[in-house]
Structures are given as structure tokens and as C-alpha cells.
């Protein structure tokens, strides 16, 4: 705070802080307070709002606990989002290491530009591109049939399609934090580990991964939260048997017309995401300051 006032002066710094406060209050705090308010109140006709039946209770949240189908989809969304984060980590870690420690400046620039350009278009359009790739008569099936890997077209929609679409959609949120963390590691430390006889695996486990743990934890947190709250990929690439919890929330709000129950479901998902974030940071021994960097 003192550094901000020193650099920009009292007037400009006050404007900056005021804009941040308005943003936090209007776009973060107020919507969440309203969500909690809706979640704890019953869905009543307009004439009964404020009446004797309009009291706070946990009925909307308990409905989720008693609804076996919704409860199963909720837990499936949890582990599937964790799987998305894990797969994205497996894909991004080798690439981040190569970009940070092995690739030339020109190679790094080309790869990062190639990865970033597709994200200049809307997420819906990028997901529709995956919809075309995974279509029954799409390019993927045509290629696999031509190579002789499969005998007949495969329906990739469902869990596989959602996993592939989300991994692609959130790859940059995992790649950049890990890349930034590994890039700050001195190459001499890696060379010293090799000179002392450490294998490639041991070098990564004892030197590189501990150094990059803040970036890895940040990428996992971002990817998990985005996957758990995603709607576009499950809606376009999913199948009836691969419903996502956000689809149920959408149905409560816009098809069922029960905003109170939808808000309760959304609040449960929010609490889940916050819990996973705190547990992940605790396990990785990373604090929120490291994530903010």
C-alpha cells in the first residue's frame, strides 16, 4: 500500500484503490451475498415473498444431499475435474520444461504464439471445433480408420470428449504458471545434479519439481476450478451419461425456474472449489501470496 502511494501519489492511488473496491464489492461480494440469500430461502410466488413462509433454512442444500442422481453427478464432477487437472499437468509439464530450459528463444516464441493464437477466438467456437473433430464422421475417425486402428467409427462424445475439450481449453492456465516457475531455475542447478550422478527422473523429483511447486499448484488450482465451473464443454461435447454439475445448475435457473435451488447448488460448488484450493495449497505447502505472483 505504501509503495503504491509512493509511486503514483495520493490522488491516483486513491482512484486505483477505489476502482478495485468497487469491482470487488459489485462483481464479487454482492453476487455471492445474493447467491447465499437465494440459497437459504424457499422458492415462493411473488405474493408470498416476505411473508411467514419466507424464512431461512437449509432445505435447498439438503435437497441435493437427498437427491441421489444429482449427488452422484456432483461427485463425478469433482473427480472428473481433478482428472482434467491431472491430465493437463501431464501434458503441460514436459512442454513447460522444454520451453523454459531447452528450447531456444525463437522456438519458445513460435510455440507460445502457436498455443496462444487459438485462444483469440471465443471458447464456444473452440469447443465447436472439437465437436467437429470428434464427430462420428469427423477427421479423427477418418484418420483412425485410414490407419487401421479402428474397424468402424467411434462415438467420442461423452466423458472422453469432455476430457479432451477441457484439457485443450485450459492448457494455458496450466502451462504458463509452470513455465514461469521453471524458467526462474538456474540451469547450473540442473547441471550440478547431473554431474553428481542424478538420473533424469531424480533430477526432476529432487530439483525441478520442488522449485516449480508454486507454479504447479497454481496451474492445478486454476484448471480444477475452471473445469468444475465449466458449462460449454460438457454441454457441447458431453452425452446424456456424462452430465456435469453446472448443467444441473443451469437447468434449475433457466428451465426449472427455481433460482433458490440453483443458487444452493451453485453455493455448494463454490464451497467445494474453495475447499479444494485450500487443501491443494496446504499439501503443496504453497501460500496464497505465491499463487498471486
C-alpha atoms as a PDB file:
ATOM      1  CA  UNK A   1       0.000   0.000   0.000  1.00  0.00           C
ATOM      2  CA  UNK A   2       2.773   2.429   0.945  1.00  0.00           C
ATOM      3  CA  UNK A   3       4.657   1.525  -2.236  1.00  0.00           C
ATOM      4  CA  UNK A   4       1.539   2.271  -4.303  1.00  0.00           C
ATOM      5  CA  UNK A   5       1.158   5.747  -2.772  1.00  0.00           C
ATOM      6  CA  UNK A   6       4.873   6.405  -3.183  1.00  0.00           C
ATOM      7  CA  UNK A   7       4.889   5.531  -6.878  1.00  0.00           C
ATOM      8  CA  UNK A   8       1.629   7.089  -8.037  1.00  0.00           C
ATOM      9  CA  UNK A   9       0.828   9.719  -5.431  1.00  0.00           C
ATOM     10  CA  UNK A  10      -2.156  10.018  -3.131  1.00  0.00           C
ATOM     11  CA  UNK A  11      -4.702  11.068  -5.764  1.00  0.00           C
ATOM     12  CA  UNK A  12      -4.043   8.399  -8.397  1.00  0.00           C
ATOM     13  CA  UNK A  13      -3.537   5.689  -5.779  1.00  0.00           C
ATOM     14  CA  UNK A  14      -6.889   6.523  -4.187  1.00  0.00           C
ATOM     15  CA  UNK A  15      -8.561   6.205  -7.590  1.00  0.00           C
ATOM     16  CA  UNK A  16      -6.917   2.811  -8.144  1.00  0.00           C
ATOM     17  CA  UNK A  17      -7.989   1.535  -4.728  1.00  0.00           C
ATOM     18  CA  UNK A  18     -11.498   2.898  -5.221  1.00  0.00           C
ATOM     19  CA  UNK A  19     -11.871   1.105  -8.572  1.00  0.00           C
ATOM     20  CA  UNK A  20     -10.623  -2.143  -7.017  1.00  0.00           C
ATOM     21  CA  UNK A  21     -13.040  -1.742  -4.107  1.00  0.00           C
ATOM     22  CA  UNK A  22     -15.967  -1.105  -6.480  1.00  0.00           C
ATOM     23  CA  UNK A  23     -15.004  -4.125  -8.568  1.00  0.00           C
ATOM     24  CA  UNK A  24     -14.742  -6.387  -5.510  1.00  0.00           C
ATOM     25  CA  UNK A  25     -17.976  -5.119  -3.999  1.00  0.00           C
ATOM     26  CA  UNK A  26     -20.046  -5.072  -7.181  1.00  0.00           C
ATOM     27  CA  UNK A  27     -18.755  -8.113  -9.055  1.00  0.00           C
ATOM     28  CA  UNK A  28     -17.533 -10.425  -6.291  1.00  0.00           C
ATOM     29  CA  UNK A  29     -19.049  -9.686  -2.909  1.00  0.00           C
ATOM     30  CA  UNK A  30     -22.594  -8.593  -3.858  1.00  0.00           C
ATOM     31  CA  UNK A  31     -23.355 -11.500  -6.248  1.00  0.00           C
ATOM     32  CA  UNK A  32     -22.115 -14.056  -3.711  1.00  0.00           C
ATOM     33  CA  UNK A  33     -24.156 -12.500  -0.905  1.00  0.00           C
ATOM     34  CA  UNK A  34     -27.230 -12.610  -3.127  1.00  0.00           C
ATOM     35  CA  UNK A  35     -26.472 -16.234  -4.012  1.00  0.00           C
ATOM     36  CA  UNK A  36     -26.307 -17.198  -0.338  1.00  0.00           C
ATOM     37  CA  UNK A  37     -29.533 -15.291   0.313  1.00  0.00           C
ATOM     38  CA  UNK A  38     -31.342 -17.088  -2.514  1.00  0.00           C
ATOM     39  CA  UNK A  39     -29.905 -20.461  -1.470  1.00  0.00           C
ATOM     40  CA  UNK A  40     -31.244 -20.216   2.068  1.00  0.00           C
ATOM     41  CA  UNK A  41     -34.756 -19.076   1.131  1.00  0.00           C
ATOM     42  CA  UNK A  42     -37.615 -21.098  -0.400  1.00  0.00           C
ATOM     43  CA  UNK A  43     -38.865 -20.671  -3.940  1.00  0.00           C
ATOM     44  CA  UNK A  44     -42.136 -18.797  -3.417  1.00  0.00           C
ATOM     45  CA  UNK A  45     -44.597 -16.940  -5.640  1.00  0.00           C
ATOM     46  CA  UNK A  46     -44.001 -13.177  -5.718  1.00  0.00           C
ATOM     47  CA  UNK A  47     -47.066 -12.581  -3.497  1.00  0.00           C
ATOM     48  CA  UNK A  48     -45.598 -14.701  -0.685  1.00  0.00           C
ATOM     49  CA  UNK A  49     -42.095 -13.210  -0.697  1.00  0.00           C
ATOM     50  CA  UNK A  50     -41.564 -11.531   2.670  1.00  0.00           C
ATOM     51  CA  UNK A  51     -44.446 -13.467   4.195  1.00  0.00           C
ATOM     52  CA  UNK A  52     -44.467 -16.014   7.006  1.00  0.00           C
ATOM     53  CA  UNK A  53     -43.194 -18.808   4.738  1.00  0.00           C
ATOM     54  CA  UNK A  54     -40.232 -16.756   3.542  1.00  0.00           C
ATOM     55  CA  UNK A  55     -37.726 -17.888   6.179  1.00  0.00           C
ATOM     56  CA  UNK A  56     -34.112 -19.031   6.018  1.00  0.00           C
ATOM     57  CA  UNK A  57     -33.483 -22.782   6.032  1.00  0.00           C
ATOM     58  CA  UNK A  58     -31.151 -25.431   4.636  1.00  0.00           C
ATOM     59  CA  UNK A  59     -33.896 -27.169   2.636  1.00  0.00           C
ATOM     60  CA  UNK A  60     -32.413 -26.329  -0.763  1.00  0.00           C
ATOM     61  CA  UNK A  61     -28.983 -27.646   0.228  1.00  0.00           C
ATOM     62  CA  UNK A  62     -30.439 -30.745   1.876  1.00  0.00           C
ATOM     63  CA  UNK A  63     -32.355 -31.437  -1.331  1.00  0.00           C
ATOM     64  CA  UNK A  64     -29.002 -32.070  -3.040  1.00  0.00           C
ATOM     65  CA  UNK A  65     -27.975 -34.441  -0.241  1.00  0.00           C
ATOM     66  CA  UNK A  66     -31.210 -36.408  -0.668  1.00  0.00           C
ATOM     67  CA  UNK A  67     -31.301 -36.404  -4.484  1.00  0.00           C
ATOM     68  CA  UNK A  68     -29.172 -39.420  -5.407  1.00  0.00           C
ATOM     69  CA  UNK A  69     -28.826 -38.608  -9.117  1.00  0.00           C
ATOM     70  CA  UNK A  70     -27.707 -35.027  -8.531  1.00  0.00           C
ATOM     71  CA  UNK A  71     -25.423 -36.127  -5.717  1.00  0.00           C
ATOM     72  CA  UNK A  72     -23.771 -38.688  -7.999  1.00  0.00           C
ATOM     73  CA  UNK A  73     -23.264 -36.070 -10.725  1.00  0.00           C
ATOM     74  CA  UNK A  74     -21.799 -33.684  -8.143  1.00  0.00           C
ATOM     75  CA  UNK A  75     -19.162 -36.193  -7.001  1.00  0.00           C
ATOM     76  CA  UNK A  76     -18.499 -37.191 -10.591  1.00  0.00           C
ATOM     77  CA  UNK A  77     -17.838 -33.550 -11.421  1.00  0.00           C
ATOM     78  CA  UNK A  78     -15.368 -33.395  -8.529  1.00  0.00           C
ATOM     79  CA  UNK A  79     -13.221 -36.336  -9.582  1.00  0.00           C
ATOM     80  CA  UNK A  80     -13.578 -35.570 -13.291  1.00  0.00           C
ATOM     81  CA  UNK A  81     -12.359 -32.004 -12.696  1.00  0.00           C
ATOM     82  CA  UNK A  82      -9.417 -33.413 -10.750  1.00  0.00           C
ATOM     83  CA  UNK A  83      -8.745 -35.761 -13.672  1.00  0.00           C
ATOM     84  CA  UNK A  84      -8.807 -32.815 -16.082  1.00  0.00           C
ATOM     85  CA  UNK A  85      -6.258 -31.017 -13.891  1.00  0.00           C
ATOM     86  CA  UNK A  86      -4.052 -34.127 -13.736  1.00  0.00           C
ATOM     87  CA  UNK A  87      -4.152 -34.778 -17.493  1.00  0.00           C
ATOM     88  CA  UNK A  88      -3.448 -31.115 -18.204  1.00  0.00           C
ATOM     89  CA  UNK A  89      -0.483 -31.255 -15.806  1.00  0.00           C
ATOM     90  CA  UNK A  90       0.899 -34.372 -17.513  1.00  0.00           C
ATOM     91  CA  UNK A  91       0.601 -32.666 -20.897  1.00  0.00           C
ATOM     92  CA  UNK A  92       1.979 -29.283 -19.838  1.00  0.00           C
ATOM     93  CA  UNK A  93       4.884 -30.170 -17.537  1.00  0.00           C
ATOM     94  CA  UNK A  94       7.206 -31.659 -20.222  1.00  0.00           C
ATOM     95  CA  UNK A  95       6.310 -28.845 -22.607  1.00  0.00           C
ATOM     96  CA  UNK A  96       6.912 -26.189 -19.953  1.00  0.00           C
ATOM     97  CA  UNK A  97      10.281 -27.721 -19.054  1.00  0.00           C
ATOM     98  CA  UNK A  98      11.343 -27.854 -22.701  1.00  0.00           C
ATOM     99  CA  UNK A  99      10.290 -24.257 -23.304  1.00  0.00           C
ATOM    100  CA  UNK A 100      11.963 -22.960 -20.139  1.00  0.00           C
ATOM    101  CA  UNK A 101      15.224 -24.911 -20.125  1.00  0.00           C
ATOM    102  CA  UNK A 102      15.912 -26.456 -23.537  1.00  0.00           C
ATOM    103  CA  UNK A 103      14.238 -24.551 -26.374  1.00  0.00           C
ATOM    104  CA  UNK A 104      15.862 -21.543 -27.991  1.00  0.00           C
ATOM    105  CA  UNK A 105      14.292 -18.117 -27.717  1.00  0.00           C
ATOM    106  CA  UNK A 106      12.974 -18.428 -31.275  1.00  0.00           C
ATOM    107  CA  UNK A 107      11.472 -21.854 -30.645  1.00  0.00           C
ATOM    108  CA  UNK A 108       9.866 -20.647 -27.432  1.00  0.00           C
ATOM    109  CA  UNK A 109       8.326 -17.657 -29.171  1.00  0.00           C
ATOM    110  CA  UNK A 110       6.940 -19.755 -32.029  1.00  0.00           C
ATOM    111  CA  UNK A 111       5.435 -22.407 -29.724  1.00  0.00           C
ATOM    112  CA  UNK A 112       3.897 -19.883 -27.339  1.00  0.00           C
ATOM    113  CA  UNK A 113       2.453 -17.918 -30.260  1.00  0.00           C
ATOM    114  CA  UNK A 114       1.039 -21.106 -31.804  1.00  0.00           C
ATOM    115  CA  UNK A 115      -0.576 -22.040 -28.481  1.00  0.00           C
ATOM    116  CA  UNK A 116      -1.928 -18.555 -27.832  1.00  0.00           C
ATOM    117  CA  UNK A 117      -3.432 -17.716 -31.256  1.00  0.00           C
ATOM    118  CA  UNK A 118      -6.358 -20.207 -30.986  1.00  0.00           C
ATOM    119  CA  UNK A 119      -7.360 -18.551 -27.721  1.00  0.00           C
ATOM    120  CA  UNK A 120      -8.007 -15.282 -29.536  1.00  0.00           C
ATOM    121  CA  UNK A 121     -11.392 -16.685 -30.555  1.00  0.00           C
ATOM    122  CA  UNK A 122     -14.381 -17.427 -28.359  1.00  0.00           C
ATOM    123  CA  UNK A 123     -14.414 -20.526 -26.141  1.00  0.00           C
ATOM    124  CA  UNK A 124     -17.676 -21.655 -27.746  1.00  0.00           C
ATOM    125  CA  UNK A 125     -16.075 -21.657 -31.201  1.00  0.00           C
ATOM    126  CA  UNK A 126     -13.038 -23.554 -29.932  1.00  0.00           C
ATOM    127  CA  UNK A 127     -15.309 -26.146 -28.349  1.00  0.00           C
ATOM    128  CA  UNK A 128     -17.313 -26.419 -31.568  1.00  0.00           C
ATOM    129  CA  UNK A 129     -14.035 -27.142 -33.365  1.00  0.00           C
ATOM    130  CA  UNK A 130     -13.567 -30.132 -31.041  1.00  0.00           C
ATOM    131  CA  UNK A 131     -17.180 -31.096 -31.733  1.00  0.00           C
ATOM    132  CA  UNK A 132     -16.309 -31.328 -35.431  1.00  0.00           C
ATOM    133  CA  UNK A 133     -13.048 -33.212 -34.793  1.00  0.00           C
ATOM    134  CA  UNK A 134     -14.783 -35.799 -32.607  1.00  0.00           C
ATOM    135  CA  UNK A 135     -17.846 -36.180 -34.833  1.00  0.00           C
ATOM    136  CA  UNK A 136     -18.961 -39.664 -35.905  1.00  0.00           C
ATOM    137  CA  UNK A 137     -17.841 -38.868 -39.451  1.00  0.00           C
ATOM    138  CA  UNK A 138     -15.221 -36.364 -38.380  1.00  0.00           C
ATOM    139  CA  UNK A 139     -11.480 -36.128 -39.109  1.00  0.00           C
ATOM    140  CA  UNK A 140     -10.398 -38.174 -36.070  1.00  0.00           C
ATOM    141  CA  UNK A 141     -12.457 -41.223 -37.026  1.00  0.00           C
ATOM    142  CA  UNK A 142     -11.420 -40.847 -40.666  1.00  0.00           C
ATOM    143  CA  UNK A 143      -7.736 -40.830 -39.680  1.00  0.00           C
ATOM    144  CA  UNK A 144      -8.054 -43.821 -37.353  1.00  0.00           C
ATOM    145  CA  UNK A 145      -9.973 -45.775 -39.995  1.00  0.00           C
ATOM    146  CA  UNK A 146      -7.312 -44.956 -42.598  1.00  0.00           C
ATOM    147  CA  UNK A 147      -4.534 -46.098 -40.233  1.00  0.00           C
ATOM    148  CA  UNK A 148      -6.445 -49.280 -39.437  1.00  0.00           C
ATOM    149  CA  UNK A 149      -6.588 -48.545 -35.701  1.00  0.00           C
ATOM    150  CA  UNK A 150     -10.378 -48.980 -35.628  1.00  0.00           C
ATOM    151  CA  UNK A 151     -12.750 -51.002 -37.826  1.00  0.00           C
ATOM    152  CA  UNK A 152     -15.718 -48.650 -37.592  1.00  0.00           C
ATOM    153  CA  UNK A 153     -16.318 -45.051 -36.465  1.00  0.00           C
ATOM    154  CA  UNK A 154     -16.356 -44.448 -32.703  1.00  0.00           C
ATOM    155  CA  UNK A 155     -18.644 -42.049 -30.870  1.00  0.00           C
ATOM    156  CA  UNK A 156     -16.159 -39.942 -28.923  1.00  0.00           C
ATOM    157  CA  UNK A 157     -18.797 -37.741 -27.330  1.00  0.00           C
ATOM    158  CA  UNK A 158     -19.196 -38.201 -23.598  1.00  0.00           C
ATOM    159  CA  UNK A 159     -16.534 -38.361 -20.927  1.00  0.00           C
ATOM    160  CA  UNK A 160     -13.680 -38.714 -23.449  1.00  0.00           C
ATOM    161  CA  UNK A 161     -14.843 -35.727 -25.454  1.00  0.00           C
ATOM    162  CA  UNK A 162     -15.347 -33.556 -22.389  1.00  0.00           C
ATOM    163  CA  UNK A 163     -11.906 -34.504 -21.036  1.00  0.00           C
ATOM    164  CA  UNK A 164     -10.205 -33.709 -24.348  1.00  0.00           C
ATOM    165  CA  UNK A 165     -12.088 -30.437 -24.799  1.00  0.00           C
ATOM    166  CA  UNK A 166     -11.374 -29.208 -21.282  1.00  0.00           C
ATOM    167  CA  UNK A 167      -7.705 -30.210 -21.393  1.00  0.00           C
ATOM    168  CA  UNK A 168      -7.308 -28.145 -24.535  1.00  0.00           C
ATOM    169  CA  UNK A 169      -9.450 -25.258 -23.248  1.00  0.00           C
ATOM    170  CA  UNK A 170      -7.437 -24.785 -20.054  1.00  0.00           C
ATOM    171  CA  UNK A 171      -3.960 -25.788 -21.201  1.00  0.00           C
ATOM    172  CA  UNK A 172      -2.583 -22.244 -20.989  1.00  0.00           C
ATOM    173  CA  UNK A 173      -3.751 -21.869 -17.383  1.00  0.00           C
ATOM    174  CA  UNK A 174      -1.517 -24.809 -16.507  1.00  0.00           C
ATOM    175  CA  UNK A 175       1.342 -24.126 -18.913  1.00  0.00           C
ATOM    176  CA  UNK A 176       2.185 -20.521 -18.090  1.00  0.00           C
ATOM    177  CA  UNK A 177       2.456 -20.865 -14.274  1.00  0.00           C
ATOM    178  CA  UNK A 178       4.707 -23.933 -14.623  1.00  0.00           C
ATOM    179  CA  UNK A 179       6.740 -22.308 -17.393  1.00  0.00           C
ATOM    180  CA  UNK A 180       7.299 -19.151 -15.325  1.00  0.00           C
ATOM    181  CA  UNK A 181       8.365 -21.219 -12.311  1.00  0.00           C
ATOM    182  CA  UNK A 182      10.808 -23.456 -14.215  1.00  0.00           C
ATOM    183  CA  UNK A 183      12.234 -20.528 -16.173  1.00  0.00           C
ATOM    184  CA  UNK A 184      13.464 -18.964 -12.922  1.00  0.00           C
ATOM    185  CA  UNK A 185      15.505 -22.095 -12.122  1.00  0.00           C
ATOM    186  CA  UNK A 186      19.214 -21.690 -12.841  1.00  0.00           C
ATOM    187  CA  UNK A 187      20.476 -24.202 -15.397  1.00  0.00           C
ATOM    188  CA  UNK A 188      23.598 -24.647 -13.286  1.00  0.00           C
ATOM    189  CA  UNK A 189      21.496 -26.387 -10.623  1.00  0.00           C
ATOM    190  CA  UNK A 190      20.286 -28.948 -13.149  1.00  0.00           C
ATOM    191  CA  UNK A 191      23.821 -29.432 -14.463  1.00  0.00           C
ATOM    192  CA  UNK A 192      25.112 -29.868 -10.912  1.00  0.00           C
ATOM    193  CA  UNK A 193      22.549 -32.585 -10.234  1.00  0.00           C
ATOM    194  CA  UNK A 194      23.595 -34.407 -13.392  1.00  0.00           C
ATOM    195  CA  UNK A 195      27.304 -34.050 -12.533  1.00  0.00           C
ATOM    196  CA  UNK A 196      26.587 -35.646  -9.159  1.00  0.00           C
ATOM    197  CA  UNK A 197      25.114 -38.679 -10.901  1.00  0.00           C
ATOM    198  CA  UNK A 198      21.410 -37.971 -10.575  1.00  0.00           C
ATOM    199  CA  UNK A 199      19.223 -39.574 -13.229  1.00  0.00           C
ATOM    200  CA  UNK A 200      16.738 -37.571 -15.261  1.00  0.00           C
ATOM    201  CA  UNK A 201      13.830 -38.709 -13.064  1.00  0.00           C
ATOM    202  CA  UNK A 202      15.709 -37.955  -9.855  1.00  0.00           C
ATOM    203  CA  UNK A 203      16.692 -34.511 -11.133  1.00  0.00           C
ATOM    204  CA  UNK A 204      13.075 -33.683 -11.799  1.00  0.00           C
ATOM    205  CA  UNK A 205      11.845 -35.122  -8.490  1.00  0.00           C
ATOM    206  CA  UNK A 206      14.507 -33.543  -6.283  1.00  0.00           C
ATOM    207  CA  UNK A 207      15.378 -30.299  -8.065  1.00  0.00           C
ATOM    208  CA  UNK A 208      12.918 -29.119 -10.711  1.00  0.00           C
ATOM    209  CA  UNK A 209       9.539 -30.100  -9.270  1.00  0.00           C
ATOM    210  CA  UNK A 210      10.281 -28.707  -5.743  1.00  0.00           C
ATOM    211  CA  UNK A 211      11.373 -25.449  -7.352  1.00  0.00           C
ATOM    212  CA  UNK A 212       8.270 -25.311  -9.570  1.00  0.00           C
ATOM    213  CA  UNK A 213       5.756 -26.441  -6.932  1.00  0.00           C
ATOM    214  CA  UNK A 214       4.185 -22.982  -6.674  1.00  0.00           C
ATOM    215  CA  UNK A 215       3.566 -22.918 -10.428  1.00  0.00           C
ATOM    216  CA  UNK A 216       2.276 -26.488 -10.422  1.00  0.00           C
ATOM    217  CA  UNK A 217      -0.098 -25.781  -7.530  1.00  0.00           C
ATOM    218  CA  UNK A 218      -1.306 -22.584  -9.213  1.00  0.00           C
ATOM    219  CA  UNK A 219      -1.944 -24.380 -12.501  1.00  0.00           C
ATOM    220  CA  UNK A 220      -3.791 -27.228 -10.781  1.00  0.00           C
ATOM    221  CA  UNK A 221      -5.959 -24.808  -8.802  1.00  0.00           C
ATOM    222  CA  UNK A 222      -6.872 -22.744 -11.857  1.00  0.00           C
ATOM    223  CA  UNK A 223      -7.547 -25.781 -14.025  1.00  0.00           C
ATOM    224  CA  UNK A 224      -9.658 -27.563 -11.409  1.00  0.00           C
ATOM    225  CA  UNK A 225     -11.792 -24.508 -10.699  1.00  0.00           C
ATOM    226  CA  UNK A 226     -12.335 -23.752 -14.381  1.00  0.00           C
ATOM    227  CA  UNK A 227     -13.200 -27.382 -15.126  1.00  0.00           C
ATOM    228  CA  UNK A 228     -15.598 -27.668 -12.189  1.00  0.00           C
ATOM    229  CA  UNK A 229     -17.377 -24.482 -13.253  1.00  0.00           C
ATOM    230  CA  UNK A 230     -17.367 -25.179 -16.987  1.00  0.00           C
ATOM    231  CA  UNK A 231     -20.622 -25.371 -18.907  1.00  0.00           C
ATOM    232  CA  UNK A 232     -19.762 -25.052 -22.592  1.00  0.00           C
ATOM    233  CA  UNK A 233     -17.589 -28.169 -22.967  1.00  0.00           C
ATOM    234  CA  UNK A 234     -19.972 -30.565 -21.138  1.00  0.00           C
ATOM    235  CA  UNK A 235     -22.976 -29.133 -22.972  1.00  0.00           C
ATOM    236  CA  UNK A 236     -21.444 -29.473 -26.448  1.00  0.00           C
ATOM    237  CA  UNK A 237     -19.155 -32.495 -26.080  1.00  0.00           C
ATOM    238  CA  UNK A 238     -20.978 -34.456 -23.395  1.00  0.00           C
ATOM    239  CA  UNK A 239     -23.551 -37.203 -23.673  1.00  0.00           C
ATOM    240  CA  UNK A 240     -26.635 -37.959 -21.534  1.00  0.00           C
ATOM    241  CA  UNK A 241     -24.474 -40.185 -19.342  1.00  0.00           C
ATOM    242  CA  UNK A 242     -21.750 -37.561 -18.886  1.00  0.00           C
ATOM    243  CA  UNK A 243     -23.717 -34.658 -17.430  1.00  0.00           C
ATOM    244  CA  UNK A 244     -21.819 -32.009 -15.491  1.00  0.00           C
ATOM    245  CA  UNK A 245     -22.981 -30.390 -12.259  1.00  0.00           C
ATOM    246  CA  UNK A 246     -23.054 -26.972 -13.934  1.00  0.00           C
ATOM    247  CA  UNK A 247     -25.647 -28.294 -16.370  1.00  0.00           C
ATOM    248  CA  UNK A 248     -27.951 -29.090 -13.451  1.00  0.00           C
ATOM    249  CA  UNK A 249     -27.419 -25.583 -12.059  1.00  0.00           C
ATOM    250  CA  UNK A 250     -28.254 -24.146 -15.485  1.00  0.00           C
ATOM    251  CA  UNK A 251     -31.426 -26.253 -15.634  1.00  0.00           C
ATOM    252  CA  UNK A 252     -32.589 -25.044 -12.214  1.00  0.00           C
ATOM    253  CA  UNK A 253     -32.127 -21.409 -13.207  1.00  0.00           C
ATOM    254  CA  UNK A 254     -33.312 -21.302 -16.811  1.00  0.00           C
ATOM    255  CA  UNK A 255     -35.515 -24.356 -17.315  1.00  0.00           C
ATOM    256  CA  UNK A 256     -36.896 -25.214 -13.884  1.00  0.00           C
ATOM    257  CA  UNK A 257     -37.268 -21.570 -12.879  1.00  0.00           C
ATOM    258  CA  UNK A 258     -36.131 -22.362  -9.333  1.00  0.00           C
ATOM    259  CA  UNK A 259     -33.409 -19.787  -8.692  1.00  0.00           C
ATOM    260  CA  UNK A 260     -33.259 -20.664  -5.000  1.00  0.00           C
ATOM    261  CA  UNK A 261     -32.361 -24.296  -5.589  1.00  0.00           C
ATOM    262  CA  UNK A 262     -29.996 -23.318  -8.390  1.00  0.00           C
ATOM    263  CA  UNK A 263     -28.267 -20.858  -6.058  1.00  0.00           C
ATOM    264  CA  UNK A 264     -27.962 -23.574  -3.404  1.00  0.00           C
ATOM    265  CA  UNK A 265     -26.314 -25.918  -5.890  1.00  0.00           C
ATOM    266  CA  UNK A 266     -24.002 -23.123  -7.039  1.00  0.00           C
ATOM    267  CA  UNK A 267     -23.060 -22.349  -3.433  1.00  0.00           C
ATOM    268  CA  UNK A 268     -22.180 -25.998  -2.803  1.00  0.00           C
ATOM    269  CA  UNK A 269     -19.954 -25.963  -5.907  1.00  0.00           C
ATOM    270  CA  UNK A 270     -18.305 -22.735  -4.754  1.00  0.00           C
ATOM    271  CA  UNK A 271     -17.574 -24.163  -1.306  1.00  0.00           C
ATOM    272  CA  UNK A 272     -16.152 -27.282  -2.944  1.00  0.00           C
ATOM    273  CA  UNK A 273     -13.799 -25.229  -5.140  1.00  0.00           C
ATOM    274  CA  UNK A 274     -12.587 -23.158  -2.202  1.00  0.00           C
ATOM    275  CA  UNK A 275     -12.013 -26.303  -0.132  1.00  0.00           C
ATOM    276  CA  UNK A 276     -10.028 -27.970  -2.912  1.00  0.00           C
ATOM    277  CA  UNK A 277      -7.936 -24.827  -3.376  1.00  0.00           C
ATOM    278  CA  UNK A 278      -7.046 -24.629   0.304  1.00  0.00           C
ATOM    279  CA  UNK A 279      -6.268 -28.359   0.528  1.00  0.00           C
ATOM    280  CA  UNK A 280      -4.115 -28.233  -2.609  1.00  0.00           C
ATOM    281  CA  UNK A 281      -2.147 -25.265  -1.339  1.00  0.00           C
ATOM    282  CA  UNK A 282      -1.735 -26.960   2.043  1.00  0.00           C
ATOM    283  CA  UNK A 283      -0.444 -30.187   0.506  1.00  0.00           C
ATOM    284  CA  UNK A 284       1.938 -28.327  -1.797  1.00  0.00           C
ATOM    285  CA  UNK A 285       2.985 -26.032   1.083  1.00  0.00           C
ATOM    286  CA  UNK A 286       2.225 -23.001  -1.043  1.00  0.00           C
ATOM    287  CA  UNK A 287       0.536 -19.884   0.282  1.00  0.00           C
ATOM    288  CA  UNK A 288      -1.857 -17.522  -1.496  1.00  0.00           C
ATOM    289  CA  UNK A 289       0.953 -14.982  -1.975  1.00  0.00           C
ATOM    290  CA  UNK A 290       2.864 -17.450  -4.154  1.00  0.00           C
ATOM    291  CA  UNK A 291      -0.286 -18.093  -6.206  1.00  0.00           C
ATOM    292  CA  UNK A 292      -0.889 -14.364  -6.656  1.00  0.00           C
ATOM    293  CA  UNK A 293       2.581 -13.983  -8.148  1.00  0.00           C
END
